[in-house]
Protein backbone atom coordinates (compact mmCIF):
# COMPACT_ATOMS: atom_id res chain seq x y z
CA MET A 1 0.00 0.00 0.00
CA GLN A 2 1.39 3.38 -1.05
CA ALA A 3 0.36 6.91 0.00
CA ASN A 4 0.67 8.09 -3.60
CA ASP A 5 -2.36 6.11 -4.87
CA LEU A 6 -5.18 7.63 -2.84
CA GLY A 7 -7.88 8.38 -5.41
CA GLY A 8 -8.76 11.74 -3.93
CA ILE A 9 -6.35 14.56 -3.17
CA PRO A 10 -5.97 14.98 0.59
CA GLY A 11 -4.79 18.18 2.20
CA ARG A 12 -1.35 18.38 3.76
CA GLU A 13 -2.47 17.38 7.24
CA THR A 14 -4.55 14.43 6.04
CA HIS A 15 -1.64 13.26 3.90
CA LEU A 16 0.59 13.31 6.99
CA LEU A 17 -1.99 11.22 8.84
CA ILE A 18 -2.08 8.73 5.96
CA GLU A 19 1.70 8.39 5.83
CA ALA A 20 1.84 7.96 9.61
CA ALA A 21 -0.87 5.28 9.55
CA LEU A 22 0.96 3.30 6.84
CA GLU A 23 4.18 3.35 8.83
CA ALA A 24 2.32 2.46 12.02
CA GLY A 25 0.84 -0.52 10.18
CA LYS A 26 4.33 -1.75 9.32
CA ILE A 27 5.26 -1.53 13.00
CA GLY A 28 2.17 -3.53 13.93
CA LEU A 29 2.93 -6.21 11.35
CA SER A 30 6.45 -6.61 12.74
CA TYR A 31 4.85 -7.93 15.95
CA PHE A 32 1.82 -9.67 14.42
CA GLY A 33 1.72 -13.44 14.91
CA LYS A 34 4.89 -13.39 17.03
CA ASP A 35 3.41 -13.63 20.54
CA PRO A 36 4.07 -10.02 21.61
CA GLN A 37 4.28 -9.19 25.29
CA VAL A 38 0.87 -8.38 26.79
CA PHE A 39 0.08 -6.11 29.74
CA LEU A 40 -3.22 -5.60 31.54
CA LYS A 41 -4.48 -2.05 31.95
CA GLU A 42 -6.65 -0.83 34.80
CA GLY A 43 -10.00 -2.51 34.27
CA GLY A 44 -8.41 -5.63 32.82
CA SER A 45 -8.26 -4.80 29.11
CA PRO A 46 -5.07 -5.93 27.34
CA VAL A 47 -2.42 -3.81 25.65
CA THR A 48 0.50 -5.31 23.75
CA GLU A 49 4.02 -4.07 23.15
CA ALA A 50 2.88 -3.46 19.56
CA ASP A 51 0.19 -1.00 20.73
CA LEU A 52 2.80 0.87 22.75
CA ALA A 53 5.40 0.91 19.97
CA ILE A 54 2.87 2.31 17.49
CA ASN A 55 1.70 4.88 20.02
CA THR A 56 5.28 6.07 20.61
CA TYR A 57 5.89 6.39 16.87
CA LEU A 58 2.62 8.23 16.17
CA GLU A 59 3.01 10.67 19.05
CA LYS A 60 6.50 11.68 17.97
CA ASN A 61 5.73 11.80 14.25
CA LEU A 62 2.43 13.66 14.40
CA ARG A 63 3.33 16.05 17.18
CA ASP A 64 6.66 16.89 15.56
CA ASN A 65 4.82 17.76 12.34
CA MET A 66 1.85 19.50 13.96
CA PRO A 67 3.03 20.63 17.41
CA ASP A 68 0.15 23.03 18.11
CA TYR A 69 -2.50 20.32 18.24
CA GLY A 70 -3.72 18.48 21.31
CA TRP A 71 -3.23 14.76 21.86
CA LEU A 72 -5.64 12.04 22.97
CA SER A 73 -4.68 8.39 22.63
CA GLU A 74 -5.93 5.20 24.25
CA GLU A 75 -2.34 4.38 25.20
CA THR A 76 -1.26 7.78 26.57
CA GLU A 77 -2.28 9.08 30.00
CA ASP A 78 -4.97 11.70 29.40
CA ASN A 79 -3.92 15.31 29.75
CA LEU A 80 -6.89 17.65 30.11
CA ILE A 81 -4.95 20.46 28.46
CA ARG A 82 -6.53 19.01 25.31
CA LEU A 83 -9.84 20.59 26.38
CA GLU A 84 -8.30 24.02 25.83
CA GLN A 85 -7.14 23.14 22.30
CA GLN A 86 -9.35 23.66 19.27
CA THR A 87 -7.78 20.85 17.23
CA VAL A 88 -6.83 17.48 18.71
CA PHE A 89 -5.40 14.19 17.45
CA ILE A 90 -7.54 11.26 18.57
CA ILE A 91 -5.62 8.00 18.24
CA ASP A 92 -6.08 4.28 18.73
CA PRO A 93 -2.73 2.66 17.89
CA ILE A 94 -4.40 -0.73 17.43
CA ASP A 95 -8.18 -0.77 17.39
CA GLY A 96 -9.01 -4.41 17.95
CA THR A 97 -6.14 -5.42 20.24
CA ARG A 98 -7.80 -8.72 21.04
CA ALA A 99 -8.19 -9.43 17.31
CA PHE A 100 -4.48 -8.63 16.92
CA MET A 101 -3.59 -11.03 19.74
CA GLU A 102 -5.78 -13.78 18.23
CA GLY A 103 -4.19 -13.48 14.79
CA ARG A 104 -7.35 -12.09 13.18
CA ASP A 105 -7.12 -9.71 10.25
CA GLU A 106 -9.55 -6.85 11.09
CA TRP A 107 -7.39 -4.88 13.56
CA CYS A 108 -6.47 -1.41 12.37
CA VAL A 109 -4.60 1.78 13.12
CA SER A 110 -7.10 4.60 13.75
CA ILE A 111 -6.09 8.27 13.48
CA GLY A 112 -8.59 11.08 13.75
CA LEU A 113 -8.14 14.85 13.68
CA VAL A 114 -10.92 16.72 15.47
CA THR A 115 -11.62 20.45 15.35
CA GLY A 116 -14.34 22.08 17.43
CA GLY A 117 -15.60 18.72 18.63
CA ARG A 118 -16.07 17.10 15.18
CA PRO A 119 -13.63 15.12 13.00
CA VAL A 120 -12.13 16.90 9.99
CA ALA A 121 -9.81 14.08 8.92
CA GLY A 122 -9.80 10.37 9.62
CA VAL A 123 -7.63 7.44 8.58
CA LEU A 124 -8.01 3.72 9.20
CA TYR A 125 -5.30 1.40 7.99
CA VAL A 126 -5.93 -2.36 8.11
CA PRO A 127 -2.45 -3.79 7.51
CA VAL A 128 -3.26 -7.48 7.12
CA ARG A 129 -5.99 -6.72 4.59
CA GLN A 130 -3.96 -3.94 2.97
CA GLU A 131 -6.93 -1.56 3.21
CA LEU A 132 -6.27 2.16 3.52
CA ILE A 133 -9.48 4.02 4.31
CA TRP A 134 -9.44 7.79 4.70
CA ALA A 135 -11.73 10.78 4.70
CA GLU A 136 -11.36 14.54 4.83
CA LYS A 137 -14.16 16.97 5.58
CA ASN A 138 -15.94 17.92 2.34
CA LYS A 139 -13.52 15.84 0.24
CA GLY A 140 -15.22 12.45 0.46
CA ALA A 141 -14.14 9.06 1.77
CA TRP A 142 -11.84 6.65 -0.03
CA CYS A 143 -10.54 3.09 0.20
CA ASN A 144 -7.48 2.05 -1.80
CA GLY A 145 -8.11 4.81 -4.31
CA LYS A 146 -11.85 4.15 -4.75
CA ARG A 147 -14.46 6.72 -3.72
CA LEU A 148 -16.86 5.35 -1.09
CA GLU A 149 -20.61 5.91 -1.29
CA ILE A 150 -23.09 4.21 1.01
CA LYS A 151 -25.94 2.37 -0.67
CA LYS A 152 -29.33 3.88 0.10
CA TYR A 153 -31.66 1.65 2.10
CA THR A 154 -34.74 2.40 4.14
CA SER A 155 -36.24 -0.93 5.32
CA LEU A 156 -34.29 -3.39 7.44
CA GLN A 157 -35.81 -6.32 5.53
CA GLY A 158 -33.22 -8.61 3.97
CA LEU A 159 -30.23 -6.56 5.13
CA SER A 160 -27.25 -7.66 7.20
CA PHE A 161 -25.92 -5.72 10.17
CA ALA A 162 -22.75 -5.63 12.26
CA ILE A 163 -24.02 -5.57 15.81
CA PRO A 164 -22.84 -6.14 19.41
CA ARG A 165 -22.86 -9.63 20.90
CA GLY A 166 -25.65 -8.73 23.31
CA LEU A 167 -27.95 -7.82 20.47
CA GLN A 168 -26.90 -10.92 18.54
CA LYS A 169 -27.83 -13.13 21.47
CA SER A 170 -31.30 -11.60 21.65
CA GLY A 171 -32.19 -13.03 18.23
CA LEU A 172 -34.62 -10.17 17.72
CA ILE A 173 -32.79 -8.62 14.78
CA GLU A 174 -33.62 -11.79 12.82
CA LYS A 175 -37.28 -11.49 13.82
CA LEU A 176 -37.26 -8.10 12.11
CA GLY A 177 -36.26 -9.74 8.83
CA ALA A 178 -32.57 -8.82 9.01
CA THR A 179 -29.45 -10.84 9.75
CA SER A 180 -26.34 -10.22 11.83
CA LEU A 181 -22.78 -10.70 10.63
CA PRO A 182 -20.16 -12.66 12.59
CA PRO A 183 -18.52 -10.56 15.33
CA VAL A 184 -15.93 -7.99 14.24
CA ARG A 185 -13.42 -7.29 17.01
CA SER A 186 -12.48 -3.77 15.87
CA LEU A 187 -15.21 -1.22 16.47
CA ALA A 188 -13.59 1.32 14.15
CA TYR A 189 -13.57 -1.19 11.32
CA ARG A 190 -17.10 -2.36 12.13
CA LEU A 191 -18.32 1.21 11.63
CA ALA A 192 -16.25 1.67 8.47
CA MET A 193 -17.86 -1.46 7.01
CA VAL A 194 -20.92 0.73 6.42
CA ALA A 195 -18.90 2.99 4.13
CA LEU A 196 -17.42 -0.08 2.44
CA ASN A 197 -20.96 -1.45 1.87
CA THR A 198 -20.02 -4.75 3.48
CA THR A 199 -22.82 -4.15 5.96
CA ALA A 200 -25.96 -2.03 5.70
CA GLY A 201 -25.58 -0.71 9.21
CA SER A 202 -23.46 -1.03 12.31
CA ILE A 203 -24.44 -0.66 15.94
CA SER A 204 -22.14 0.05 18.87
CA GLY A 205 -23.03 -0.70 22.47
CA LYS A 206 -22.53 1.92 25.15
CA ASN A 207 -19.10 2.99 26.42
CA ALA A 208 -17.23 3.33 23.13
CA HIS A 209 -14.50 5.92 23.62
CA ASP A 210 -13.43 8.81 21.40
CA TRP A 211 -10.45 6.88 20.03
CA ASP A 212 -12.66 3.94 18.97
CA ILE A 213 -14.89 5.98 16.69
CA ALA A 214 -13.55 9.44 15.72
CA ALA A 215 -11.82 8.47 12.46
CA ALA A 216 -14.58 6.04 11.43
CA ASP A 217 -17.24 8.66 12.15
CA LEU A 218 -15.92 10.96 9.43
CA ILE A 219 -15.46 8.05 7.00
CA VAL A 220 -19.14 7.19 7.43
CA GLU A 221 -20.23 10.82 7.14
CA GLU A 222 -18.16 11.56 4.03
CA SER A 223 -19.48 8.42 2.31
CA GLY A 224 -23.07 9.62 2.79
CA GLY A 225 -24.05 8.22 6.18
CA ARG A 226 -24.38 9.21 9.80
CA LEU A 227 -23.14 8.04 13.18
CA ILE A 228 -25.82 8.95 15.72
CA ASN A 229 -26.95 8.09 19.22
CA LEU A 230 -30.44 6.88 20.16
CA GLN A 231 -31.60 10.50 20.40
CA GLY A 232 -30.58 11.06 16.77
CA GLU A 233 -27.63 13.29 17.70
CA MET A 234 -24.20 13.26 16.09
CA VAL A 235 -21.18 12.57 18.30
CA GLN A 236 -19.17 15.37 19.92
CA TYR A 237 -15.51 14.71 20.71
CA ASN A 238 -12.78 16.00 23.01
CA LYS A 239 -15.00 16.39 26.07
CA PRO A 240 -14.07 15.59 29.68
CA ASP A 241 -15.96 12.27 29.50
CA LEU A 242 -14.63 10.22 26.60
CA ARG A 243 -17.36 7.57 26.73
CA HIS A 244 -20.41 7.47 24.50
CA PRO A 245 -23.86 5.84 24.62
CA ALA A 246 -25.06 3.28 22.09
CA LEU A 247 -24.47 4.44 18.52
CA ILE A 248 -25.82 3.64 15.05
CA ALA A 249 -23.92 3.99 11.76
CA ALA A 250 -25.81 3.75 8.46
CA GLY A 251 -27.08 5.80 5.54
CA ASP A 252 -29.20 8.76 6.65
CA LEU A 253 -32.69 7.24 6.28
CA LEU A 254 -31.69 3.78 7.43
CA ALA A 255 -29.96 5.17 10.53
CA GLU A 256 -33.22 6.84 11.56
CA ASN A 257 -35.18 3.65 10.89
CA ILE A 258 -32.76 1.54 12.94
CA ARG A 259 -33.02 4.06 15.78
CA SER A 260 -36.83 3.87 15.69
CA VAL A 261 -36.79 0.08 15.67
CA LEU A 262 -34.37 -0.11 18.59
CA LEU A 263 -36.55 2.22 20.65
CA ASP A 264 -39.95 0.87 19.57
CA THR A 265 -39.07 -2.78 20.19
CA ASN A 266 -37.07 -2.10 23.35
CA LEU A 267 -34.05 -3.71 21.68
CA ALA A 268 -31.99 -0.83 23.05
CA ARG A 269 -31.91 -2.56 26.42
CA HIS A 270 -29.43 -5.04 24.94
CA LEU A 271 -26.95 -2.24 24.24
């Protein structure tokens, strides 16, 4: 994968994010399948030496190139100075760490750039699949040089969805005439699947963090969709609380229909 075959023409900052993501992917691959050292964070979630190596590289590279921007990463202790900064990097060095540890192929590097609480650039790089997905505000979303455009659906009938395990176990999505895809262990990639048209819609349970969703949010938006909560609101980033409620990603009309179904059938309790 090369940064010179992007399809669209990204601005300088987005191009720097793309180049950084590609290099970060190489770092991740150097550890992939080689039993990297694993540490447990507070709360019990795992982080590998690969996550930390990518985080170190991205923080130096991006902050050296754009030193005036704030920094928020899953693998860096939070510094609330970011709340005073208009533009902030929002980073997940490896989104899908468990997938990485299990040798699965959907883990990705996620880099978002947020201004005024909303993403203006977002990059996901999926090294094993060699998928480079990027978006820039008002410039569209792209994957491996191809412009992304979400298919327009309204009814849930006959569609497939990427959904949380709790909702899968309920079996109710099938009763509505839709099907659920096998679990995807990277939330960022699960959301981006909407832009890739490999799923009609994607649902996230509560407690996703900024770094899980910021880059994918813009990719969905720039491909013609929306990432919304159960009140129909778009996500705001770089707030004191980094956690979010249940979220829906889909094309505009379908996102509203999914939201209505979740509320009307009380399926939301599974999120």
